[in-house]
Amino acid sequence: MTLRLADEQAALLEAMARVDEVSVSEAIRVAIDAQLEARRADPDFQIRLHRLIEVNQRWLEQLAQ
């Protein structure tokens, strides 16, 4: 996977990782885990997620016929 960042974002991320004494990759993994956890706990996200699941389920069921 490739992640493209603006120069300023990359510099800030590298600085943050150095302060936390972790690799940039680890800092990114931690940030992604935090975002995933936050989204799972977000009621509005869960509503949109379940709507999408319902729509996709209908399409998949039509394909299966």
C-alpha atoms as a PDB file:
ATOM      1  CA  MET A   1       0.000   0.000   0.000  1.00  0.00           C
ATOM      2  CA  THR A   2       1.204   3.484  -0.820  1.00  0.00           C
ATOM      3  CA  LEU A   3       0.217   6.538   1.175  1.00  0.00           C
ATOM      4  CA  ARG A   4       0.759   9.935  -0.387  1.00  0.00           C
ATOM      5  CA  LEU A   5       0.906  12.881   1.985  1.00  0.00           C
ATOM      6  CA  ALA A   6       1.434  16.576   1.525  1.00  0.00           C
ATOM      7  CA  ASP A   7       4.971  17.596   2.443  1.00  0.00           C
ATOM      8  CA  GLU A   8       3.799  19.315   5.624  1.00  0.00           C
ATOM      9  CA  GLN A   9       1.758  16.292   6.709  1.00  0.00           C
ATOM     10  CA  ALA A  10       4.722  14.002   6.117  1.00  0.00           C
ATOM     11  CA  ALA A  11       7.053  16.248   8.105  1.00  0.00           C
ATOM     12  CA  LEU A  12       4.599  16.515  11.004  1.00  0.00           C
ATOM     13  CA  LEU A  13       3.999  12.764  10.996  1.00  0.00           C
ATOM     14  CA  GLU A  14       7.728  12.043  11.027  1.00  0.00           C
ATOM     15  CA  ALA A  15       8.242  14.506  13.880  1.00  0.00           C
ATOM     16  CA  MET A  16       5.381  13.001  15.871  1.00  0.00           C
ATOM     17  CA  ALA A  17       6.762   9.504  15.365  1.00  0.00           C
ATOM     18  CA  ARG A  18      10.215  10.586  16.544  1.00  0.00           C
ATOM     19  CA  VAL A  19       8.729  12.192  19.670  1.00  0.00           C
ATOM     20  CA  ASP A  20       6.753   8.996  20.377  1.00  0.00           C
ATOM     21  CA  GLU A  21       9.851   6.891  19.580  1.00  0.00           C
ATOM     22  CA  VAL A  22       8.001   4.755  17.038  1.00  0.00           C
ATOM     23  CA  SER A  23       8.361   4.241  13.324  1.00  0.00           C
ATOM     24  CA  VAL A  24       6.223   6.259  10.934  1.00  0.00           C
ATOM     25  CA  SER A  25       4.511   2.999   9.982  1.00  0.00           C
ATOM     26  CA  GLU A  26       3.624   2.312  13.603  1.00  0.00           C
ATOM     27  CA  ALA A  27       2.310   5.858  14.063  1.00  0.00           C
ATOM     28  CA  ILE A  28       0.091   5.364  11.010  1.00  0.00           C
ATOM     29  CA  ARG A  29      -1.170   1.989  12.289  1.00  0.00           C
ATOM     30  CA  VAL A  30      -2.032   3.538  15.669  1.00  0.00           C
ATOM     31  CA  ALA A  31      -3.877   6.404  13.968  1.00  0.00           C
ATOM     32  CA  ILE A  32      -5.820   4.006  11.745  1.00  0.00           C
ATOM     33  CA  ASP A  33      -6.769   1.840  14.727  1.00  0.00           C
ATOM     34  CA  ALA A  34      -7.996   4.931  16.586  1.00  0.00           C
ATOM     35  CA  GLN A  35     -10.051   6.045  13.575  1.00  0.00           C
ATOM     36  CA  LEU A  36     -11.587   2.580  13.155  1.00  0.00           C
ATOM     37  CA  GLU A  37     -12.499   2.450  16.844  1.00  0.00           C
ATOM     38  CA  ALA A  38     -14.012   5.933  16.693  1.00  0.00           C
ATOM     39  CA  ARG A  39     -16.085   5.073  13.623  1.00  0.00           C
ATOM     40  CA  ARG A  40     -17.368   1.864  15.201  1.00  0.00           C
ATOM     41  CA  ALA A  41     -18.524   3.913  18.204  1.00  0.00           C
ATOM     42  CA  ASP A  42     -20.127   6.652  16.061  1.00  0.00           C
ATOM     43  CA  PRO A  43     -23.936   6.138  15.913  1.00  0.00           C
ATOM     44  CA  ASP A  44     -24.309   8.158  12.694  1.00  0.00           C
ATOM     45  CA  PHE A  45     -21.633   6.089  10.990  1.00  0.00           C
ATOM     46  CA  GLN A  46     -23.334   2.895  12.157  1.00  0.00           C
ATOM     47  CA  ILE A  47     -26.646   4.041  10.658  1.00  0.00           C
ATOM     48  CA  ARG A  48     -24.996   4.757   7.299  1.00  0.00           C
ATOM     49  CA  LEU A  49     -23.113   1.470   7.482  1.00  0.00           C
ATOM     50  CA  HIS A  50     -26.256  -0.559   8.051  1.00  0.00           C
ATOM     51  CA  ARG A  51     -28.059   1.244   5.226  1.00  0.00           C
ATOM     52  CA  LEU A  52     -25.202   0.348   2.896  1.00  0.00           C
ATOM     53  CA  ILE A  53     -25.232  -3.256   4.088  1.00  0.00           C
ATOM     54  CA  GLU A  54     -28.961  -3.475   3.302  1.00  0.00           C
ATOM     55  CA  VAL A  55     -28.498  -2.032  -0.194  1.00  0.00           C
ATOM     56  CA  ASN A  56     -25.575  -4.334  -0.953  1.00  0.00           C
ATOM     57  CA  GLN A  57     -27.443  -7.324   0.419  1.00  0.00           C
ATOM     58  CA  ARG A  58     -30.310  -6.654  -2.007  1.00  0.00           C
ATOM     59  CA  TRP A  59     -27.912  -6.421  -4.962  1.00  0.00           C
ATOM     60  CA  LEU A  60     -26.108  -9.588  -3.933  1.00  0.00           C
ATOM     61  CA  GLU A  61     -29.384 -11.448  -3.562  1.00  0.00           C
ATOM     62  CA  GLN A  62     -30.410 -10.344  -7.066  1.00  0.00           C
ATOM     63  CA  LEU A  63     -27.107 -11.598  -8.451  1.00  0.00           C
ATOM     64  CA  ALA A  64     -27.627 -14.931  -6.763  1.00  0.00           C
ATOM     65  CA  GLN A  65     -30.943 -15.547  -8.552  1.00  0.00           C
END
